Amino acid sequence: MAYASIASLVRTMELLLTSDSPMLSLAFCHRKEIVALHKKVSSIEAFLKNSEKKICNYGAMTDLEARIKGFANAAEDKIEFGLREAMIAEDETRRGKANEELHQSLQ
């Protein structure tokens, strides 16, 4: 389950960095942070993909997977929510606040 959550987060970031949607312009403001996070999360994805057969301690792996899954789901939700909030903001003040909150989340 952790692998699926991480893979979903990686694909969300890839779509933000490459799509032609209105969110692309918003994501461009945070490109540096998204690229850095993408690199780190891709490493976790590779670890999970390669470690399933190598780890003997099932309890430790289950705990780690639960923690990774929680992180991935929360991160994806924060990214999508932050971009959506910035997109629907009615004025520059709200848009700026949404962008700042997204920036902090990505950090």
PDB file of N, CA and C in Angstrom:
ATOM      1  N   MET A   1       0.809  -1.204   0.000  1.00  0.00           N
ATOM      2  CA  MET A   1       0.000   0.000   0.000  1.00  0.00           C
ATOM      3  C   MET A   1       0.854   1.271   0.000  1.00  0.00           C
ATOM      4  N   ALA A   2       1.968   1.242   0.705  1.00  0.00           N
ATOM      5  CA  ALA A   2       2.818   2.424   0.739  1.00  0.00           C
ATOM      6  C   ALA A   2       3.352   2.729  -0.659  1.00  0.00           C
ATOM      7  N   TYR A   3       3.693   1.675  -1.391  1.00  0.00           N
ATOM      8  CA  TYR A   3       4.218   1.881  -2.743  1.00  0.00           C
ATOM      9  C   TYR A   3       3.193   2.583  -3.623  1.00  0.00           C
ATOM     10  N   ALA A   4       1.942   2.183  -3.537  1.00  0.00           N
ATOM     11  CA  ALA A   4       0.894   2.797  -4.355  1.00  0.00           C
ATOM     12  C   ALA A   4       0.716   4.274  -3.987  1.00  0.00           C
ATOM     13  N   SER A   5       0.770   4.589  -2.697  1.00  0.00           N
ATOM     14  CA  SER A   5       0.621   5.981  -2.261  1.00  0.00           C
ATOM     15  C   SER A   5       1.788   6.837  -2.736  1.00  0.00           C
ATOM     16  N   ILE A   6       2.996   6.309  -2.616  1.00  0.00           N
ATOM     17  CA  ILE A   6       4.181   7.044  -3.079  1.00  0.00           C
ATOM     18  C   ILE A   6       4.137   7.206  -4.597  1.00  0.00           C
ATOM     19  N   ALA A   7       3.768   6.141  -5.301  1.00  0.00           N
ATOM     20  CA  ALA A   7       3.689   6.220  -6.763  1.00  0.00           C
ATOM     21  C   ALA A   7       2.668   7.266  -7.197  1.00  0.00           C
ATOM     22  N   SER A   8       1.555   7.350  -6.503  1.00  0.00           N
ATOM     23  CA  SER A   8       0.534   8.353  -6.813  1.00  0.00           C
ATOM     24  C   SER A   8       1.075   9.763  -6.600  1.00  0.00           C
ATOM     25  N   LEU A   9       1.786   9.970  -5.503  1.00  0.00           N
ATOM     26  CA  LEU A   9       2.380  11.281  -5.224  1.00  0.00           C
ATOM     27  C   LEU A   9       3.394  11.650  -6.311  1.00  0.00           C
ATOM     28  N   VAL A  10       4.230  10.705  -6.699  1.00  0.00           N
ATOM     29  CA  VAL A  10       5.223  10.953  -7.751  1.00  0.00           C
ATOM     30  C   VAL A  10       4.524  11.339  -9.049  1.00  0.00           C
ATOM     31  N   ARG A  11       3.482  10.622  -9.428  1.00  0.00           N
ATOM     32  CA  ARG A  11       2.766  10.917 -10.668  1.00  0.00           C
ATOM     33  C   ARG A  11       2.059  12.269 -10.603  1.00  0.00           C
ATOM     34  N   THR A  12       1.520  12.626  -9.452  1.00  0.00           N
ATOM     35  CA  THR A  12       0.895  13.942  -9.286  1.00  0.00           C
ATOM     36  C   THR A  12       1.911  15.044  -9.538  1.00  0.00           C
ATOM     37  N   MET A  13       3.107  14.901  -8.957  1.00  0.00           N
ATOM     38  CA  MET A  13       4.142  15.914  -9.155  1.00  0.00           C
ATOM     39  C   MET A  13       4.597  15.954 -10.607  1.00  0.00           C
ATOM     40  N   GLU A  14       4.714  14.799 -11.242  1.00  0.00           N
ATOM     41  CA  GLU A  14       5.107  14.767 -12.656  1.00  0.00           C
ATOM     42  C   GLU A  14       4.070  15.466 -13.528  1.00  0.00           C
ATOM     43  N   LEU A  15       2.794  15.238 -13.236  1.00  0.00           N
ATOM     44  CA  LEU A  15       1.735  15.919 -13.996  1.00  0.00           C
ATOM     45  C   LEU A  15       1.794  17.429 -13.809  1.00  0.00           C
ATOM     46  N   LEU A  16       2.058  17.863 -12.585  1.00  0.00           N
ATOM     47  CA  LEU A  16       2.152  19.299 -12.326  1.00  0.00           C
ATOM     48  C   LEU A  16       3.319  19.929 -13.083  1.00  0.00           C
ATOM     49  N   LEU A  17       4.381  19.189 -13.234  1.00  0.00           N
ATOM     50  CA  LEU A  17       5.570  19.722 -13.887  1.00  0.00           C
ATOM     51  C   LEU A  17       5.497  19.653 -15.413  1.00  0.00           C
ATOM     52  N   THR A  18       4.573  18.863 -15.953  1.00  0.00           N
ATOM     53  CA  THR A  18       4.567  18.667 -17.399  1.00  0.00           C
ATOM     54  C   THR A  18       3.248  18.965 -18.099  1.00  0.00           C
ATOM     55  N   SER A  19       2.163  19.115 -17.371  1.00  0.00           N
ATOM     56  CA  SER A  19       0.868  19.276 -18.043  1.00  0.00           C
ATOM     57  C   SER A  19       0.654  20.702 -18.522  1.00  0.00           C
ATOM     58  N   ASP A  20      -0.377  20.877 -19.352  1.00  0.00           N
ATOM     59  CA  ASP A  20      -0.741  22.193 -19.867  1.00  0.00           C
ATOM     60  C   ASP A  20      -1.952  22.772 -19.138  1.00  0.00           C
ATOM     61  N   SER A  21      -2.232  22.256 -17.961  1.00  0.00           N
ATOM     62  CA  SER A  21      -3.401  22.715 -17.215  1.00  0.00           C
ATOM     63  C   SER A  21      -3.138  24.082 -16.583  1.00  0.00           C
ATOM     64  N   PRO A  22      -4.199  24.749 -16.135  1.00  0.00           N
ATOM     65  CA  PRO A  22      -4.018  26.037 -15.450  1.00  0.00           C
ATOM     66  C   PRO A  22      -3.163  25.905 -14.192  1.00  0.00           C
ATOM     67  N   MET A  23      -3.149  24.703 -13.614  1.00  0.00           N
ATOM     68  CA  MET A  23      -2.333  24.509 -12.414  1.00  0.00           C
ATOM     69  C   MET A  23      -0.851  24.555 -12.728  1.00  0.00           C
ATOM     70  N   LEU A  24      -0.478  24.344 -13.996  1.00  0.00           N
ATOM     71  CA  LEU A  24       0.927  24.364 -14.370  1.00  0.00           C
ATOM     72  C   LEU A  24       1.557  25.712 -14.054  1.00  0.00           C
ATOM     73  N   SER A  25       0.857  26.788 -14.353  1.00  0.00           N
ATOM     74  CA  SER A  25       1.416  28.115 -14.075  1.00  0.00           C
ATOM     75  C   SER A  25       1.563  28.338 -12.576  1.00  0.00           C
ATOM     76  N   LEU A  26       0.623  27.808 -11.803  1.00  0.00           N
ATOM     77  CA  LEU A  26       0.746  27.917 -10.354  1.00  0.00           C
ATOM     78  C   LEU A  26       1.883  27.044  -9.843  1.00  0.00           C
ATOM     79  N   ALA A  27       1.987  25.838 -10.379  1.00  0.00           N
ATOM     80  CA  ALA A  27       3.049  24.925  -9.966  1.00  0.00           C
ATOM     81  C   ALA A  27       4.418  25.483 -10.361  1.00  0.00           C
ATOM     82  N   PHE A  28       4.476  26.260 -11.459  1.00  0.00           N
ATOM     83  CA  PHE A  28       5.748  26.818 -11.912  1.00  0.00           C
ATOM     84  C   PHE A  28       6.373  27.702 -10.838  1.00  0.00           C
ATOM     85  N   CYS A  29       5.549  28.402 -10.079  1.00  0.00           N
ATOM     86  CA  CYS A  29       6.047  29.258  -8.996  1.00  0.00           C
ATOM     87  C   CYS A  29       6.753  28.431  -7.923  1.00  0.00           C
ATOM     88  N   HIS A  30       6.387  27.158  -7.833  1.00  0.00           N
ATOM     89  CA  HIS A  30       6.933  26.267  -6.808  1.00  0.00           C
ATOM     90  C   HIS A  30       7.751  25.145  -7.433  1.00  0.00           C
ATOM     91  N   ARG A  31       8.186  25.364  -8.655  1.00  0.00           N
ATOM     92  CA  ARG A  31       8.885  24.314  -9.412  1.00  0.00           C
ATOM     93  C   ARG A  31      10.101  23.776  -8.654  1.00  0.00           C
ATOM     94  N   LYS A  32      10.894  24.645  -8.102  1.00  0.00           N
ATOM     95  CA  LYS A  32      12.117  24.229  -7.405  1.00  0.00           C
ATOM     96  C   LYS A  32      11.776  23.278  -6.255  1.00  0.00           C
ATOM     97  N   GLU A  33      10.774  23.632  -5.474  1.00  0.00           N
ATOM     98  CA  GLU A  33      10.376  22.793  -4.343  1.00  0.00           C
ATOM     99  C   GLU A  33       9.773  21.469  -4.805  1.00  0.00           C
ATOM    100  N   ILE A  34       8.959  21.533  -5.864  1.00  0.00           N
ATOM    101  CA  ILE A  34       8.326  20.310  -6.371  1.00  0.00           C
ATOM    102  C   ILE A  34       9.379  19.364  -6.935  1.00  0.00           C
ATOM    103  N   VAL A  35      10.353  19.898  -7.663  1.00  0.00           N
ATOM    104  CA  VAL A  35      11.412  19.065  -8.225  1.00  0.00           C
ATOM    105  C   VAL A  35      12.230  18.418  -7.104  1.00  0.00           C
ATOM    106  N   ALA A  36      12.561  19.178  -6.070  1.00  0.00           N
ATOM    107  CA  ALA A  36      13.325  18.626  -4.946  1.00  0.00           C
ATOM    108  C   ALA A  36      12.541  17.527  -4.233  1.00  0.00           C
ATOM    109  N   LEU A  37      11.265  17.787  -3.987  1.00  0.00           N
ATOM    110  CA  LEU A  37      10.421  16.788  -3.335  1.00  0.00           C
ATOM    111  C   LEU A  37      10.261  15.562  -4.232  1.00  0.00           C
ATOM    112  N   HIS A  38      10.093  15.780  -5.521  1.00  0.00           N
ATOM    113  CA  HIS A  38       9.958  14.675  -6.479  1.00  0.00           C
ATOM    114  C   HIS A  38      11.187  13.766  -6.418  1.00  0.00           C
ATOM    115  N   LYS A  39      12.357  14.363  -6.362  1.00  0.00           N
ATOM    116  CA  LYS A  39      13.602  13.584  -6.307  1.00  0.00           C
ATOM    117  C   LYS A  39      13.640  12.721  -5.048  1.00  0.00           C
ATOM    118  N   LYS A  40      13.297  13.304  -3.917  1.00  0.00           N
ATOM    119  CA  LYS A  40      13.320  12.564  -2.654  1.00  0.00           C
ATOM    120  C   LYS A  40      12.279  11.452  -2.638  1.00  0.00           C
ATOM    121  N   VAL A  41      11.083  11.771  -3.090  1.00  0.00           N
ATOM    122  CA  VAL A  41       9.994  10.796  -3.066  1.00  0.00           C
ATOM    123  C   VAL A  41      10.264   9.679  -4.073  1.00  0.00           C
ATOM    124  N   SER A  42      10.886  10.003  -5.191  1.00  0.00           N
ATOM    125  CA  SER A  42      11.245   8.971  -6.166  1.00  0.00           C
ATOM    126  C   SER A  42      12.241   7.974  -5.566  1.00  0.00           C
ATOM    127  N   SER A  43      13.123   8.465  -4.702  1.00  0.00           N
ATOM    128  CA  SER A  43      14.057   7.574  -4.013  1.00  0.00           C
ATOM    129  C   SER A  43      13.315   6.627  -3.081  1.00  0.00           C
ATOM    130  N   ILE A  44      12.330   7.142  -2.390  1.00  0.00           N
ATOM    131  CA  ILE A  44      11.513   6.297  -1.508  1.00  0.00           C
ATOM    132  C   ILE A  44      10.751   5.272  -2.343  1.00  0.00           C
ATOM    133  N   GLU A  45      10.224   5.705  -3.472  1.00  0.00           N
ATOM    134  CA  GLU A  45       9.502   4.792  -4.364  1.00  0.00           C
ATOM    135  C   GLU A  45      10.416   3.637  -4.797  1.00  0.00           C
ATOM    136  N   ALA A  46      11.642   3.953  -5.199  1.00  0.00           N
ATOM    137  CA  ALA A  46      12.591   2.927  -5.629  1.00  0.00           C
ATOM    138  C   ALA A  46      12.941   1.993  -4.469  1.00  0.00           C
ATOM    139  N   PHE A  47      13.127   2.564  -3.278  1.00  0.00           N
ATOM    140  CA  PHE A  47      13.420   1.742  -2.100  1.00  0.00           C
ATOM    141  C   PHE A  47      12.296   0.746  -1.844  1.00  0.00           C
ATOM    142  N   LEU A  48      11.058   1.232  -1.859  1.00  0.00           N
ATOM    143  CA  LEU A  48       9.926   0.341  -1.599  1.00  0.00           C
ATOM    144  C   LEU A  48       9.806  -0.743  -2.658  1.00  0.00           C
ATOM    145  N   LYS A  49      10.027  -0.369  -3.896  1.00  0.00           N
ATOM    146  CA  LYS A  49       9.904  -1.330  -4.990  1.00  0.00           C
ATOM    147  C   LYS A  49      10.951  -2.437  -4.854  1.00  0.00           C
ATOM    148  N   ASN A  50      12.151  -2.063  -4.448  1.00  0.00           N
ATOM    149  CA  ASN A  50      13.246  -3.030  -4.372  1.00  0.00           C
ATOM    150  C   ASN A  50      13.342  -3.755  -3.035  1.00  0.00           C
ATOM    151  N   SER A  51      12.691  -3.272  -2.004  1.00  0.00           N
ATOM    152  CA  SER A  51      12.879  -3.846  -0.677  1.00  0.00           C
ATOM    153  C   SER A  51      11.842  -4.887  -0.283  1.00  0.00           C
ATOM    154  N   GLU A  52      10.765  -4.990  -1.022  1.00  0.00           N
ATOM    155  CA  GLU A  52       9.698  -5.911  -0.637  1.00  0.00           C
ATOM    156  C   GLU A  52      10.203  -7.328  -0.429  1.00  0.00           C
ATOM    157  N   LYS A  53      11.113  -7.786  -1.243  1.00  0.00           N
ATOM    158  CA  LYS A  53      11.602  -9.154  -1.151  1.00  0.00           C
ATOM    159  C   LYS A  53      12.824  -9.285  -0.240  1.00  0.00           C
ATOM    160  N   LYS A  54      13.461  -8.173   0.099  1.00  0.00           N
ATOM    161  CA  LYS A  54      14.717  -8.225   0.838  1.00  0.00           C
ATOM    162  C   LYS A  54      14.545  -8.097   2.351  1.00  0.00           C
ATOM    163  N   ILE A  55      13.459  -7.508   2.815  1.00  0.00           N
ATOM    164  CA  ILE A  55      13.301  -7.254   4.243  1.00  0.00           C
ATOM    165  C   ILE A  55      12.670  -8.470   4.916  1.00  0.00           C
ATOM    166  N   CYS A  56      13.350  -8.950   5.930  1.00  0.00           N
ATOM    167  CA  CYS A  56      12.896 -10.158   6.634  1.00  0.00           C
ATOM    168  C   CYS A  56      11.979  -9.830   7.810  1.00  0.00           C
ATOM    169  N   ASN A  57      12.125  -8.657   8.393  1.00  0.00           N
ATOM    170  CA  ASN A  57      11.338  -8.287   9.568  1.00  0.00           C
ATOM    171  C   ASN A  57      10.020  -7.673   9.109  1.00  0.00           C
ATOM    172  N   TYR A  58       9.012  -8.509   9.008  1.00  0.00           N
ATOM    173  CA  TYR A  58       7.710  -8.084   8.483  1.00  0.00           C
ATOM    174  C   TYR A  58       7.093  -6.971   9.327  1.00  0.00           C
ATOM    175  N   GLY A  59       7.207  -7.051  10.649  1.00  0.00           N
ATOM    176  CA  GLY A  59       6.632  -6.030  11.535  1.00  0.00           C
ATOM    177  C   GLY A  59       7.246  -4.665  11.314  1.00  0.00           C
ATOM    178  N   ALA A  60       8.556  -4.628  11.167  1.00  0.00           N
ATOM    179  CA  ALA A  60       9.247  -3.351  10.943  1.00  0.00           C
ATOM    180  C   ALA A  60       8.842  -2.759   9.599  1.00  0.00           C
ATOM    181  N   MET A  61       8.722  -3.585   8.596  1.00  0.00           N
ATOM    182  CA  MET A  61       8.344  -3.095   7.262  1.00  0.00           C
ATOM    183  C   MET A  61       6.905  -2.594   7.261  1.00  0.00           C
ATOM    184  N   THR A  62       6.030  -3.291   7.958  1.00  0.00           N
ATOM    185  CA  THR A  62       4.634  -2.860   8.027  1.00  0.00           C
ATOM    186  C   THR A  62       4.524  -1.489   8.672  1.00  0.00           C
ATOM    187  N   ASP A  63       5.263  -1.266   9.751  1.00  0.00           N
ATOM    188  CA  ASP A  63       5.254   0.034  10.430  1.00  0.00           C
ATOM    189  C   ASP A  63       5.809   1.118   9.502  1.00  0.00           C
ATOM    190  N   LEU A  64       6.916   0.815   8.849  1.00  0.00           N
ATOM    191  CA  LEU A  64       7.516   1.781   7.927  1.00  0.00           C
ATOM    192  C   LEU A  64       6.561   2.099   6.776  1.00  0.00           C
ATOM    193  N   GLU A  65       5.942   1.081   6.219  1.00  0.00           N
ATOM    194  CA  GLU A  65       5.002   1.302   5.119  1.00  0.00           C
ATOM    195  C   GLU A  65       3.819   2.153   5.559  1.00  0.00           C
ATOM    196  N   ALA A  66       3.323   1.931   6.765  1.00  0.00           N
ATOM    197  CA  ALA A  66       2.202   2.727   7.269  1.00  0.00           C
ATOM    198  C   ALA A  66       2.604   4.192   7.403  1.00  0.00           C
ATOM    199  N   ARG A  67       3.799   4.432   7.888  1.00  0.00           N
ATOM    200  CA  ARG A  67       4.276   5.813   8.042  1.00  0.00           C
ATOM    201  C   ARG A  67       4.487   6.476   6.678  1.00  0.00           C
ATOM    202  N   ILE A  68       5.050   5.738   5.742  1.00  0.00           N
ATOM    203  CA  ILE A  68       5.273   6.279   4.401  1.00  0.00           C
ATOM    204  C   ILE A  68       3.941   6.560   3.719  1.00  0.00           C
ATOM    205  N   LYS A  69       3.008   5.641   3.848  1.00  0.00           N
ATOM    206  CA  LYS A  69       1.693   5.823   3.239  1.00  0.00           C
ATOM    207  C   LYS A  69       1.012   7.068   3.793  1.00  0.00           C
ATOM    208  N   GLY A  70       1.080   7.263   5.105  1.00  0.00           N
ATOM    209  CA  GLY A  70       0.491   8.447   5.725  1.00  0.00           C
ATOM    210  C   GLY A  70       1.126   9.722   5.219  1.00  0.00           C
ATOM    211  N   PHE A  71       2.455   9.727   5.120  1.00  0.00           N
ATOM    212  CA  PHE A  71       3.162  10.897   4.591  1.00  0.00           C
ATOM    213  C   PHE A  71       2.743  11.190   3.161  1.00  0.00           C
ATOM    214  N   ALA A  72       2.745  10.152   2.323  1.00  0.00           N
ATOM    215  CA  ALA A  72       2.447  10.340   0.900  1.00  0.00           C
ATOM    216  C   ALA A  72       1.036  10.871   0.688  1.00  0.00           C
ATOM    217  N   ASN A  73       0.077  10.299   1.392  1.00  0.00           N
ATOM    218  CA  ASN A  73      -1.310  10.753   1.253  1.00  0.00           C
ATOM    219  C   ASN A  73      -1.469  12.192   1.722  1.00  0.00           C
ATOM    220  N   ALA A  74      -0.855  12.533   2.858  1.00  0.00           N
ATOM    221  CA  ALA A  74      -0.950  13.897   3.376  1.00  0.00           C
ATOM    222  C   ALA A  74      -0.262  14.888   2.437  1.00  0.00           C
ATOM    223  N   ALA A  75       0.893  14.524   1.917  1.00  0.00           N
ATOM    224  CA  ALA A  75       1.623  15.415   1.009  1.00  0.00           C
ATOM    225  C   ALA A  75       0.836  15.666  -0.278  1.00  0.00           C
ATOM    226  N   GLU A  76       0.281  14.611  -0.844  1.00  0.00           N
ATOM    227  CA  GLU A  76      -0.493  14.767  -2.072  1.00  0.00           C
ATOM    228  C   GLU A  76      -1.723  15.644  -1.823  1.00  0.00           C
ATOM    229  N   ASP A  77      -2.387  15.427  -0.700  1.00  0.00           N
ATOM    230  CA  ASP A  77      -3.552  16.249  -0.358  1.00  0.00           C
ATOM    231  C   ASP A  77      -3.175  17.712  -0.203  1.00  0.00           C
ATOM    232  N   LYS A  78      -2.057  17.984   0.479  1.00  0.00           N
ATOM    233  CA  LYS A  78      -1.627  19.373   0.693  1.00  0.00           C
ATOM    234  C   LYS A  78      -1.274  20.061  -0.620  1.00  0.00           C
ATOM    235  N   ILE A  79      -0.599  19.343  -1.504  1.00  0.00           N
ATOM    236  CA  ILE A  79      -0.229  19.927  -2.799  1.00  0.00           C
ATOM    237  C   ILE A  79      -1.475  20.248  -3.605  1.00  0.00           C
ATOM    238  N   GLU A  80      -2.365  19.273  -3.719  1.00  0.00           N
ATOM    239  CA  GLU A  80      -3.579  19.487  -4.512  1.00  0.00           C
ATOM    240  C   GLU A  80      -4.464  20.567  -3.902  1.00  0.00           C
ATOM    241  N   PHE A  81      -4.613  20.568  -2.587  1.00  0.00           N
ATOM    242  CA  PHE A  81      -5.435  21.574  -1.919  1.00  0.00           C
ATOM    243  C   PHE A  81      -4.826  22.967  -2.093  1.00  0.00           C
ATOM    244  N   GLY A  82      -3.510  23.071  -1.912  1.00  0.00           N
ATOM    245  CA  GLY A  82      -2.843  24.367  -2.039  1.00  0.00           C
ATOM    246  C   GLY A  82      -2.975  24.947  -3.433  1.00  0.00           C
ATOM    247  N   LEU A  83      -2.786  24.116  -4.442  1.00  0.00           N
ATOM    248  CA  LEU A  83      -2.931  24.592  -5.821  1.00  0.00           C
ATOM    249  C   LEU A  83      -4.371  24.963  -6.133  1.00  0.00           C
ATOM    250  N   ARG A  84      -5.301  24.167  -5.644  1.00  0.00           N
ATOM    251  CA  ARG A  84      -6.717  24.468  -5.880  1.00  0.00           C
ATOM    252  C   ARG A  84      -7.109  25.776  -5.195  1.00  0.00           C
ATOM    253  N   GLU A  85      -6.644  25.986  -3.975  1.00  0.00           N
ATOM    254  CA  GLU A  85      -6.943  27.228  -3.251  1.00  0.00           C
ATOM    255  C   GLU A  85      -6.375  28.442  -3.987  1.00  0.00           C
ATOM    256  N   ALA A  86      -5.164  28.320  -4.497  1.00  0.00           N
ATOM    257  CA  ALA A  86      -4.560  29.432  -5.237  1.00  0.00           C
ATOM    258  C   ALA A  86      -5.316  29.688  -6.539  1.00  0.00           C
ATOM    259  N   MET A  87      -5.803  28.628  -7.156  1.00  0.00           N
ATOM    260  CA  MET A  87      -6.515  28.771  -8.416  1.00  0.00           C
ATOM    261  C   MET A  87      -7.864  29.457  -8.257  1.00  0.00           C
ATOM    262  N   ILE A  88      -8.576  29.163  -7.171  1.00  0.00           N
ATOM    263  CA  ILE A  88      -9.914  29.719  -7.002  1.00  0.00           C
ATOM    264  C   ILE A  88      -9.933  30.984  -6.152  1.00  0.00           C
ATOM    265  N   ALA A  89      -8.757  31.447  -5.731  1.00  0.00           N
ATOM    266  CA  ALA A  89      -8.689  32.650  -4.913  1.00  0.00           C
ATOM    267  C   ALA A  89      -9.335  33.823  -5.650  1.00  0.00           C
ATOM    268  N   GLU A  90     -10.111  34.591  -4.918  1.00  0.00           N
ATOM    269  CA  GLU A  90     -10.865  35.689  -5.521  1.00  0.00           C
ATOM    270  C   GLU A  90     -10.054  36.973  -5.677  1.00  0.00           C
ATOM    271  N   ASP A  91      -8.961  37.076  -4.938  1.00  0.00           N
ATOM    272  CA  ASP A  91      -8.137  38.276  -5.066  1.00  0.00           C
ATOM    273  C   ASP A  91      -6.669  37.915  -4.839  1.00  0.00           C
ATOM    274  N   GLU A  92      -5.794  38.866  -5.107  1.00  0.00           N
ATOM    275  CA  GLU A  92      -4.356  38.633  -5.002  1.00  0.00           C
ATOM    276  C   GLU A  92      -3.914  38.327  -3.572  1.00  0.00           C
ATOM    277  N   THR A  93      -4.575  38.918  -2.585  1.00  0.00           N
ATOM    278  CA  THR A  93      -4.209  38.669  -1.195  1.00  0.00           C
ATOM    279  C   THR A  93      -4.425  37.206  -0.843  1.00  0.00           C
ATOM    280  N   ARG A  94      -5.581  36.685  -1.201  1.00  0.00           N
ATOM    281  CA  ARG A  94      -5.874  35.272  -0.917  1.00  0.00           C
ATOM    282  C   ARG A  94      -4.984  34.347  -1.740  1.00  0.00           C
ATOM    283  N   ARG A  95      -4.729  34.724  -2.974  1.00  0.00           N
ATOM    284  CA  ARG A  95      -3.859  33.917  -3.826  1.00  0.00           C
ATOM    285  C   ARG A  95      -2.445  33.881  -3.243  1.00  0.00           C
ATOM    286  N   GLY A  96      -1.975  35.026  -2.788  1.00  0.00           N
ATOM    287  CA  GLY A  96      -0.648  35.088  -2.170  1.00  0.00           C
ATOM    288  C   GLY A  96      -0.565  34.242  -0.910  1.00  0.00           C
ATOM    289  N   LYS A  97      -1.615  34.290  -0.101  1.00  0.00           N
ATOM    290  CA  LYS A  97      -1.649  33.485   1.121  1.00  0.00           C
ATOM    291  C   LYS A  97      -1.651  31.992   0.777  1.00  0.00           C
ATOM    292  N   ALA A  98      -2.435  31.594  -0.207  1.00  0.00           N
ATOM    293  CA  ALA A  98      -2.487  30.192  -0.630  1.00  0.00           C
ATOM    294  C   ALA A  98      -1.129  29.740  -1.166  1.00  0.00           C
ATOM    295  N   ASN A  99      -0.471  30.600  -1.948  1.00  0.00           N
ATOM    296  CA  ASN A  99       0.858  30.264  -2.461  1.00  0.00           C
ATOM    297  C   ASN A  99       1.877  30.133  -1.344  1.00  0.00           C
ATOM    298  N   GLU A 100       1.799  31.002  -0.348  1.00  0.00           N
ATOM    299  CA  GLU A 100       2.724  30.930   0.786  1.00  0.00           C
ATOM    300  C   GLU A 100       2.502  29.655   1.592  1.00  0.00           C
ATOM    301  N   GLU A 101       1.245  29.283   1.807  1.00  0.00           N
ATOM    302  CA  GLU A 101       0.946  28.047   2.536  1.00  0.00           C
ATOM    303  C   GLU A 101       1.451  26.832   1.755  1.00  0.00           C
ATOM    304  N   LEU A 102       1.277  26.852   0.442  1.00  0.00           N
ATOM    305  CA  LEU A 102       1.773  25.752  -0.383  1.00  0.00           C
ATOM    306  C   LEU A 102       3.296  25.692  -0.307  1.00  0.00           C
ATOM    307  N   HIS A 103       3.940  26.836  -0.389  1.00  0.00           N
ATOM    308  CA  HIS A 103       5.394  26.900  -0.284  1.00  0.00           C
ATOM    309  C   HIS A 103       5.866  26.274   1.022  1.00  0.00           C
ATOM    310  N   GLN A 104       5.216  26.613   2.120  1.00  0.00           N
ATOM    311  CA  GLN A 104       5.584  26.054   3.425  1.00  0.00           C
ATOM    312  C   GLN A 104       5.354  24.545   3.459  1.00  0.00           C
ATOM    313  N   SER A 105       4.285  24.087   2.878  1.00  0.00           N
ATOM    314  CA  SER A 105       4.005  22.649   2.843  1.00  0.00           C
ATOM    315  C   SER A 105       5.077  21.900   2.055  1.00  0.00           C
ATOM    316  N   LEU A 106       5.494  22.483   0.939  1.00  0.00           N
ATOM    317  CA  LEU A 106       6.498  21.827   0.111  1.00  0.00           C
ATOM    318  C   LEU A 106       7.868  21.818   0.774  1.00  0.00           C
ATOM    319  N   GLN A 107       8.121  22.800   1.598  1.00  0.00           N
ATOM    320  CA  GLN A 107       9.397  22.827   2.314  1.00  0.00           C
ATOM    321  C   GLN A 107       9.455  21.678   3.284  1.00  0.00           C
TER     322      GLN A 107
END
